[in-house]
């Protein structure tokens, strides 16, 4: 799980969580509730906040061609 934790916390432009699941965060929260692990929910929420902030920054500062490639890596939750 440590590799996955590092990937979740990584820059949204570097790690493609969408390839794991288009609904990565929703799926993770459902799994966390099934196994009863609040640490997973906290990790997912923290990662989403960090990645979302980076997404907003990149969306406003990146050139269009770079931004369009970057947008293909986002999960459904991140792109919404």
PDB file of N, CA and C in Angstrom:
ATOM      1  N   UNK A   1       0.816  -1.202   0.000  1.00  0.00           N
ATOM      2  CA  UNK A   1       0.000   0.000   0.000  1.00  0.00           C
ATOM      3  C   UNK A   1       0.854   1.258   0.000  1.00  0.00           C
ATOM      4  N   UNK A   2       2.119   1.201   0.417  1.00  0.00           N
ATOM      5  CA  UNK A   2       2.940   2.400   0.503  1.00  0.00           C
ATOM      6  C   UNK A   2       3.186   3.017  -0.865  1.00  0.00           C
ATOM      7  N   UNK A   3       3.359   2.200  -1.912  1.00  0.00           N
ATOM      8  CA  UNK A   3       3.553   2.742  -3.258  1.00  0.00           C
ATOM      9  C   UNK A   3       2.297   3.486  -3.706  1.00  0.00           C
ATOM     10  N   UNK A   4       1.143   2.900  -3.444  1.00  0.00           N
ATOM     11  CA  UNK A   4      -0.118   3.534  -3.800  1.00  0.00           C
ATOM     12  C   UNK A   4      -0.304   4.837  -3.042  1.00  0.00           C
ATOM     13  N   UNK A   5       0.047   4.846  -1.774  1.00  0.00           N
ATOM     14  CA  UNK A   5      -0.059   6.078  -0.980  1.00  0.00           C
ATOM     15  C   UNK A   5       0.809   7.180  -1.571  1.00  0.00           C
ATOM     16  N   UNK A   6       2.019   6.859  -1.977  1.00  0.00           N
ATOM     17  CA  UNK A   6       2.906   7.849  -2.586  1.00  0.00           C
ATOM     18  C   UNK A   6       2.334   8.349  -3.902  1.00  0.00           C
ATOM     19  N   UNK A   7       1.776   7.455  -4.699  1.00  0.00           N
ATOM     20  CA  UNK A   7       1.196   7.857  -5.974  1.00  0.00           C
ATOM     21  C   UNK A   7      -0.022   8.748  -5.779  1.00  0.00           C
ATOM     22  N   UNK A   8      -0.832   8.439  -4.786  1.00  0.00           N
ATOM     23  CA  UNK A   8      -2.019   9.247  -4.519  1.00  0.00           C
ATOM     24  C   UNK A   8      -1.616  10.673  -4.147  1.00  0.00           C
ATOM     25  N   UNK A   9      -0.536  10.814  -3.411  1.00  0.00           N
ATOM     26  CA  UNK A   9      -0.107  12.124  -2.946  1.00  0.00           C
ATOM     27  C   UNK A   9       0.748  12.865  -3.971  1.00  0.00           C
ATOM     28  N   UNK A  10       1.061  12.243  -5.082  1.00  0.00           N
ATOM     29  CA  UNK A  10       1.919  12.866  -6.087  1.00  0.00           C
ATOM     30  C   UNK A  10       1.162  13.904  -6.904  1.00  0.00           C
ATOM     31  N   UNK A  11       1.919  14.672  -7.646  1.00  0.00           N
ATOM     32  CA  UNK A  11       1.382  15.698  -8.529  1.00  0.00           C
ATOM     33  C   UNK A  11       0.420  15.068  -9.531  1.00  0.00           C
ATOM     34  N   UNK A  12      -0.724  15.702  -9.728  1.00  0.00           N
ATOM     35  CA  UNK A  12      -1.738  15.175 -10.644  1.00  0.00           C
ATOM     36  C   UNK A  12      -1.236  15.100 -12.077  1.00  0.00           C
ATOM     37  N   UNK A  13      -0.241  15.905 -12.432  1.00  0.00           N
ATOM     38  CA  UNK A  13       0.305  15.868 -13.782  1.00  0.00           C
ATOM     39  C   UNK A  13       1.283  14.709 -13.968  1.00  0.00           C
ATOM     40  N   UNK A  14       1.731  14.131 -12.886  1.00  0.00           N
ATOM     41  CA  UNK A  14       2.735  13.059 -12.950  1.00  0.00           C
ATOM     42  C   UNK A  14       2.155  11.661 -12.779  1.00  0.00           C
ATOM     43  N   UNK A  15       1.094  11.538 -12.032  1.00  0.00           N
ATOM     44  CA  UNK A  15       0.530  10.224 -11.739  1.00  0.00           C
ATOM     45  C   UNK A  15      -0.885  10.150 -12.287  1.00  0.00           C
ATOM     46  N   UNK A  16      -1.144   9.134 -13.080  1.00  0.00           N
ATOM     47  CA  UNK A  16      -2.428   8.935 -13.723  1.00  0.00           C
ATOM     48  C   UNK A  16      -3.302   8.018 -12.868  1.00  0.00           C
ATOM     49  N   UNK A  17      -4.059   8.609 -11.957  1.00  0.00           N
ATOM     50  CA  UNK A  17      -4.963   7.820 -11.124  1.00  0.00           C
ATOM     51  C   UNK A  17      -6.148   7.305 -11.936  1.00  0.00           C
ATOM     52  N   UNK A  18      -6.451   7.992 -13.030  1.00  0.00           N
ATOM     53  CA  UNK A  18      -7.557   7.588 -13.892  1.00  0.00           C
ATOM     54  C   UNK A  18      -7.333   6.187 -14.454  1.00  0.00           C
ATOM     55  N   UNK A  19      -6.073   5.813 -14.700  1.00  0.00           N
ATOM     56  CA  UNK A  19      -5.799   4.482 -15.238  1.00  0.00           C
ATOM     57  C   UNK A  19      -6.135   3.385 -14.225  1.00  0.00           C
ATOM     58  N   UNK A  20      -6.102   3.712 -12.959  1.00  0.00           N
ATOM     59  CA  UNK A  20      -6.491   2.747 -11.922  1.00  0.00           C
ATOM     60  C   UNK A  20      -8.007   2.608 -11.866  1.00  0.00           C
ATOM     61  N   UNK A  21      -8.692   3.737 -11.959  1.00  0.00           N
ATOM     62  CA  UNK A  21     -10.154   3.762 -11.977  1.00  0.00           C
ATOM     63  C   UNK A  21     -10.589   5.173 -12.350  1.00  0.00           C
ATOM     64  N   UNK A  22     -11.529   5.308 -13.298  1.00  0.00           N
ATOM     65  CA  UNK A  22     -12.023   6.648 -13.637  1.00  0.00           C
ATOM     66  C   UNK A  22     -12.678   7.345 -12.438  1.00  0.00           C
ATOM     67  N   UNK A  23     -13.191   6.547 -11.509  1.00  0.00           N
ATOM     68  CA  UNK A  23     -13.825   7.075 -10.296  1.00  0.00           C
ATOM     69  C   UNK A  23     -12.978   6.680  -9.086  1.00  0.00           C
ATOM     70  N   UNK A  24     -11.721   7.004  -9.130  1.00  0.00           N
ATOM     71  CA  UNK A  24     -10.739   6.564  -8.141  1.00  0.00           C
ATOM     72  C   UNK A  24     -11.139   6.913  -6.709  1.00  0.00           C
ATOM     73  N   UNK A  25     -11.526   8.160  -6.472  1.00  0.00           N
ATOM     74  CA  UNK A  25     -11.833   8.611  -5.109  1.00  0.00           C
ATOM     75  C   UNK A  25     -13.122   7.979  -4.590  1.00  0.00           C
ATOM     76  N   UNK A  26     -14.141   7.933  -5.428  1.00  0.00           N
ATOM     77  CA  UNK A  26     -15.407   7.322  -5.021  1.00  0.00           C
ATOM     78  C   UNK A  26     -15.198   5.837  -4.689  1.00  0.00           C
ATOM     79  N   UNK A  27     -14.473   5.153  -5.552  1.00  0.00           N
ATOM     80  CA  UNK A  27     -14.173   3.741  -5.331  1.00  0.00           C
ATOM     81  C   UNK A  27     -13.377   3.554  -4.042  1.00  0.00           C
ATOM     82  N   UNK A  28     -12.372   4.408  -3.827  1.00  0.00           N
ATOM     83  CA  UNK A  28     -11.557   4.323  -2.612  1.00  0.00           C
ATOM     84  C   UNK A  28     -12.369   4.521  -1.354  1.00  0.00           C
ATOM     85  N   UNK A  29     -13.310   5.457  -1.380  1.00  0.00           N
ATOM     86  CA  UNK A  29     -14.158   5.701  -0.207  1.00  0.00           C
ATOM     87  C   UNK A  29     -15.079   4.524   0.063  1.00  0.00           C
ATOM     88  N   UNK A  30     -15.577   3.895  -0.991  1.00  0.00           N
ATOM     89  CA  UNK A  30     -16.438   2.723  -0.796  1.00  0.00           C
ATOM     90  C   UNK A  30     -15.646   1.563  -0.205  1.00  0.00           C
ATOM     91  N   UNK A  31     -14.424   1.378  -0.670  1.00  0.00           N
ATOM     92  CA  UNK A  31     -13.574   0.311  -0.124  1.00  0.00           C
ATOM     93  C   UNK A  31     -13.252   0.612   1.339  1.00  0.00           C
ATOM     94  N   UNK A  32     -12.937   1.864   1.636  1.00  0.00           N
ATOM     95  CA  UNK A  32     -12.603   2.244   3.016  1.00  0.00           C
ATOM     96  C   UNK A  32     -13.764   1.953   3.950  1.00  0.00           C
ATOM     97  N   UNK A  33     -14.988   2.240   3.503  1.00  0.00           N
ATOM     98  CA  UNK A  33     -16.137   1.971   4.370  1.00  0.00           C
ATOM     99  C   UNK A  33     -16.378   0.472   4.533  1.00  0.00           C
ATOM    100  N   UNK A  34     -16.073  -0.305   3.503  1.00  0.00           N
ATOM    101  CA  UNK A  34     -16.238  -1.757   3.603  1.00  0.00           C
ATOM    102  C   UNK A  34     -15.256  -2.383   4.583  1.00  0.00           C
ATOM    103  N   UNK A  35     -14.012  -1.895   4.574  1.00  0.00           N
ATOM    104  CA  UNK A  35     -13.005  -2.468   5.475  1.00  0.00           C
ATOM    105  C   UNK A  35     -12.938  -1.733   6.808  1.00  0.00           C
ATOM    106  N   UNK A  36     -13.655  -0.609   6.896  1.00  0.00           N
ATOM    107  CA  UNK A  36     -13.709   0.137   8.153  1.00  0.00           C
ATOM    108  C   UNK A  36     -12.419   0.859   8.493  1.00  0.00           C
ATOM    109  N   UNK A  37     -11.710   1.343   7.482  1.00  0.00           N
ATOM    110  CA  UNK A  37     -10.430   2.023   7.699  1.00  0.00           C
ATOM    111  C   UNK A  37     -10.572   3.516   7.425  1.00  0.00           C
ATOM    112  N   UNK A  38     -10.661   4.310   8.485  1.00  0.00           N
ATOM    113  CA  UNK A  38     -10.787   5.771   8.359  1.00  0.00           C
ATOM    114  C   UNK A  38      -9.515   6.391   7.786  1.00  0.00           C
ATOM    115  N   UNK A  39      -8.364   5.740   7.955  1.00  0.00           N
ATOM    116  CA  UNK A  39      -7.102   6.283   7.449  1.00  0.00           C
ATOM    117  C   UNK A  39      -7.136   6.407   5.931  1.00  0.00           C
ATOM    118  N   UNK A  40      -7.793   5.465   5.261  1.00  0.00           N
ATOM    119  CA  UNK A  40      -7.906   5.531   3.798  1.00  0.00           C
ATOM    120  C   UNK A  40      -8.741   6.730   3.395  1.00  0.00           C
ATOM    121  N   UNK A  41      -9.854   6.944   4.085  1.00  0.00           N
ATOM    122  CA  UNK A  41     -10.709   8.096   3.777  1.00  0.00           C
ATOM    123  C   UNK A  41      -9.964   9.408   3.979  1.00  0.00           C
ATOM    124  N   UNK A  42      -9.217   9.509   5.053  1.00  0.00           N
ATOM    125  CA  UNK A  42      -8.440  10.727   5.338  1.00  0.00           C
ATOM    126  C   UNK A  42      -7.383  10.937   4.266  1.00  0.00           C
ATOM    127  N   UNK A  43      -6.695   9.875   3.872  1.00  0.00           N
ATOM    128  CA  UNK A  43      -5.674   9.957   2.820  1.00  0.00           C
ATOM    129  C   UNK A  43      -6.286  10.398   1.497  1.00  0.00           C
ATOM    130  N   UNK A  44      -7.422   9.820   1.124  1.00  0.00           N
ATOM    131  CA  UNK A  44      -8.079  10.186  -0.127  1.00  0.00           C
ATOM    132  C   UNK A  44      -8.517  11.648  -0.130  1.00  0.00           C
ATOM    133  N   UNK A  45      -9.100  12.100   0.965  1.00  0.00           N
ATOM    134  CA  UNK A  45      -9.547  13.487   1.047  1.00  0.00           C
ATOM    135  C   UNK A  45      -8.364  14.450   0.976  1.00  0.00           C
ATOM    136  N   UNK A  46      -7.320  14.137   1.703  1.00  0.00           N
ATOM    137  CA  UNK A  46      -6.125  14.974   1.686  1.00  0.00           C
ATOM    138  C   UNK A  46      -5.504  15.022   0.289  1.00  0.00           C
ATOM    139  N   UNK A  47      -5.397  13.862  -0.335  1.00  0.00           N
ATOM    140  CA  UNK A  47      -4.819  13.797  -1.686  1.00  0.00           C
ATOM    141  C   UNK A  47      -5.671  14.565  -2.681  1.00  0.00           C
ATOM    142  N   UNK A  48      -6.989  14.426  -2.582  1.00  0.00           N
ATOM    143  CA  UNK A  48      -7.871  15.135  -3.499  1.00  0.00           C
ATOM    144  C   UNK A  48      -7.693  16.642  -3.368  1.00  0.00           C
ATOM    145  N   UNK A  49      -7.627  17.132  -2.144  1.00  0.00           N
ATOM    146  CA  UNK A  49      -7.447  18.576  -1.921  1.00  0.00           C
ATOM    147  C   UNK A  49      -6.128  19.064  -2.511  1.00  0.00           C
ATOM    148  N   UNK A  50      -5.053  18.322  -2.269  1.00  0.00           N
ATOM    149  CA  UNK A  50      -3.733  18.709  -2.776  1.00  0.00           C
ATOM    150  C   UNK A  50      -3.715  18.677  -4.296  1.00  0.00           C
ATOM    151  N   UNK A  51      -4.195  17.576  -4.866  1.00  0.00           N
ATOM    152  CA  UNK A  51      -4.191  17.428  -6.326  1.00  0.00           C
ATOM    153  C   UNK A  51      -5.119  18.452  -6.982  1.00  0.00           C
ATOM    154  N   UNK A  52      -6.259  18.735  -6.366  1.00  0.00           N
ATOM    155  CA  UNK A  52      -7.194  19.695  -6.940  1.00  0.00           C
ATOM    156  C   UNK A  52      -6.581  21.097  -6.988  1.00  0.00           C
ATOM    157  N   UNK A  53      -5.886  21.459  -5.941  1.00  0.00           N
ATOM    158  CA  UNK A  53      -5.203  22.752  -5.926  1.00  0.00           C
ATOM    159  C   UNK A  53      -4.185  22.825  -7.064  1.00  0.00           C
ATOM    160  N   UNK A  54      -3.409  21.764  -7.254  1.00  0.00           N
ATOM    161  CA  UNK A  54      -2.429  21.725  -8.340  1.00  0.00           C
ATOM    162  C   UNK A  54      -3.113  21.771  -9.705  1.00  0.00           C
ATOM    163  N   UNK A  55      -4.253  21.107  -9.825  1.00  0.00           N
ATOM    164  CA  UNK A  55      -5.004  21.120 -11.084  1.00  0.00           C
ATOM    165  C   UNK A  55      -5.434  22.533 -11.423  1.00  0.00           C
ATOM    166  N   UNK A  56      -5.969  23.251 -10.441  1.00  0.00           N
ATOM    167  CA  UNK A  56      -6.403  24.625 -10.678  1.00  0.00           C
ATOM    168  C   UNK A  56      -5.238  25.520 -11.072  1.00  0.00           C
ATOM    169  N   UNK A  57      -4.135  25.380 -10.386  1.00  0.00           N
ATOM    170  CA  UNK A  57      -2.958  26.192 -10.707  1.00  0.00           C
ATOM    171  C   UNK A  57      -2.485  25.914 -12.131  1.00  0.00           C
ATOM    172  N   UNK A  58      -2.386  24.645 -12.480  1.00  0.00           N
ATOM    173  CA  UNK A  58      -1.925  24.278 -13.825  1.00  0.00           C
ATOM    174  C   UNK A  58      -2.916  24.706 -14.903  1.00  0.00           C
ATOM    175  N   UNK A  59      -4.203  24.607 -14.601  1.00  0.00           N
ATOM    176  CA  UNK A  59      -5.221  24.979 -15.574  1.00  0.00           C
ATOM    177  C   UNK A  59      -5.147  26.466 -15.923  1.00  0.00           C
ATOM    178  N   UNK A  60      -4.781  27.282 -14.969  1.00  0.00           N
ATOM    179  CA  UNK A  60      -4.707  28.717 -15.219  1.00  0.00           C
ATOM    180  C   UNK A  60      -3.350  29.170 -15.731  1.00  0.00           C
ATOM    181  N   UNK A  61      -2.321  28.365 -15.515  1.00  0.00           N
ATOM    182  CA  UNK A  61      -0.993  28.835 -15.892  1.00  0.00           C
ATOM    183  C   UNK A  61      -0.364  28.068 -17.053  1.00  0.00           C
ATOM    184  N   UNK A  62      -0.881  26.912 -17.388  1.00  0.00           N
ATOM    185  CA  UNK A  62      -0.258  26.086 -18.431  1.00  0.00           C
ATOM    186  C   UNK A  62      -0.700  26.535 -19.819  1.00  0.00           C
ATOM    187  N   UNK A  63       0.168  26.311 -20.784  1.00  0.00           N
ATOM    188  CA  UNK A  63      -0.183  26.562 -22.176  1.00  0.00           C
ATOM    189  C   UNK A  63      -1.265  25.566 -22.577  1.00  0.00           C
ATOM    190  N   UNK A  64      -2.071  25.899 -23.553  1.00  0.00           N
ATOM    191  CA  UNK A  64      -3.201  25.071 -23.946  1.00  0.00           C
ATOM    192  C   UNK A  64      -2.789  23.649 -24.309  1.00  0.00           C
ATOM    193  N   UNK A  65      -1.733  23.481 -25.080  1.00  0.00           N
ATOM    194  CA  UNK A  65      -1.323  22.133 -25.498  1.00  0.00           C
ATOM    195  C   UNK A  65      -0.862  21.298 -24.319  1.00  0.00           C
ATOM    196  N   UNK A  66      -0.146  21.908 -23.390  1.00  0.00           N
ATOM    197  CA  UNK A  66       0.286  21.176 -22.208  1.00  0.00           C
ATOM    198  C   UNK A  66      -0.912  20.863 -21.324  1.00  0.00           C
ATOM    199  N   UNK A  67      -1.831  21.807 -21.190  1.00  0.00           N
ATOM    200  CA  UNK A  67      -3.007  21.619 -20.342  1.00  0.00           C
ATOM    201  C   UNK A  67      -3.905  20.517 -20.895  1.00  0.00           C
ATOM    202  N   UNK A  68      -4.060  20.443 -22.223  1.00  0.00           N
ATOM    203  CA  UNK A  68      -4.944  19.429 -22.776  1.00  0.00           C
ATOM    204  C   UNK A  68      -4.392  18.023 -22.535  1.00  0.00           C
ATOM    205  N   UNK A  69      -3.072  17.846 -22.581  1.00  0.00           N
ATOM    206  CA  UNK A  69      -2.475  16.545 -22.272  1.00  0.00           C
ATOM    207  C   UNK A  69      -2.671  16.220 -20.796  1.00  0.00           C
ATOM    208  N   UNK A  70      -2.479  17.187 -19.962  1.00  0.00           N
ATOM    209  CA  UNK A  70      -2.623  17.039 -18.519  1.00  0.00           C
ATOM    210  C   UNK A  70      -4.054  16.643 -18.143  1.00  0.00           C
ATOM    211  N   UNK A  71      -5.032  17.219 -18.818  1.00  0.00           N
ATOM    212  CA  UNK A  71      -6.432  16.952 -18.493  1.00  0.00           C
ATOM    213  C   UNK A  71      -6.832  15.509 -18.762  1.00  0.00           C
ATOM    214  N   UNK A  72      -6.146  14.833 -19.655  1.00  0.00           N
ATOM    215  CA  UNK A  72      -6.472  13.436 -19.950  1.00  0.00           C
ATOM    216  C   UNK A  72      -6.084  12.498 -18.811  1.00  0.00           C
ATOM    217  N   UNK A  73      -5.268  12.959 -17.872  1.00  0.00           N
ATOM    218  CA  UNK A  73      -4.823  12.132 -16.747  1.00  0.00           C
ATOM    219  C   UNK A  73      -5.752  12.200 -15.546  1.00  0.00           C
ATOM    220  N   UNK A  74      -6.726  13.078 -15.570  1.00  0.00           N
ATOM    221  CA  UNK A  74      -7.562  13.327 -14.404  1.00  0.00           C
ATOM    222  C   UNK A  74      -8.682  12.301 -14.252  1.00  0.00           C
ATOM    223  N   UNK A  75      -9.014  11.989 -13.006  1.00  0.00           N
ATOM    224  CA  UNK A  75     -10.162  11.128 -12.727  1.00  0.00           C
ATOM    225  C   UNK A  75     -11.435  11.913 -13.008  1.00  0.00           C
ATOM    226  N   UNK A  76     -12.569  11.237 -13.008  1.00  0.00           N
ATOM    227  CA  UNK A  76     -13.852  11.914 -13.231  1.00  0.00           C
ATOM    228  C   UNK A  76     -14.103  12.970 -12.148  1.00  0.00           C
ATOM    229  N   UNK A  77     -13.745  12.648 -10.911  1.00  0.00           N
ATOM    230  CA  UNK A  77     -13.958  13.598  -9.819  1.00  0.00           C
ATOM    231  C   UNK A  77     -13.076  14.833  -9.998  1.00  0.00           C
ATOM    232  N   UNK A  78     -11.841  14.629 -10.410  1.00  0.00           N
ATOM    233  CA  UNK A  78     -10.917  15.754 -10.594  1.00  0.00           C
ATOM    234  C   UNK A  78     -11.333  16.617 -11.774  1.00  0.00           C
ATOM    235  N   UNK A  79     -11.780  16.017 -12.866  1.00  0.00           N
ATOM    236  CA  UNK A  79     -12.159  16.824 -14.027  1.00  0.00           C
ATOM    237  C   UNK A  79     -13.476  17.558 -13.812  1.00  0.00           C
ATOM    238  N   UNK A  80     -14.359  16.982 -12.998  1.00  0.00           N
ATOM    239  CA  UNK A  80     -15.619  17.688 -12.684  1.00  0.00           C
ATOM    240  C   UNK A  80     -15.328  18.871 -11.782  1.00  0.00           C
TER     241      UNK A  80
END
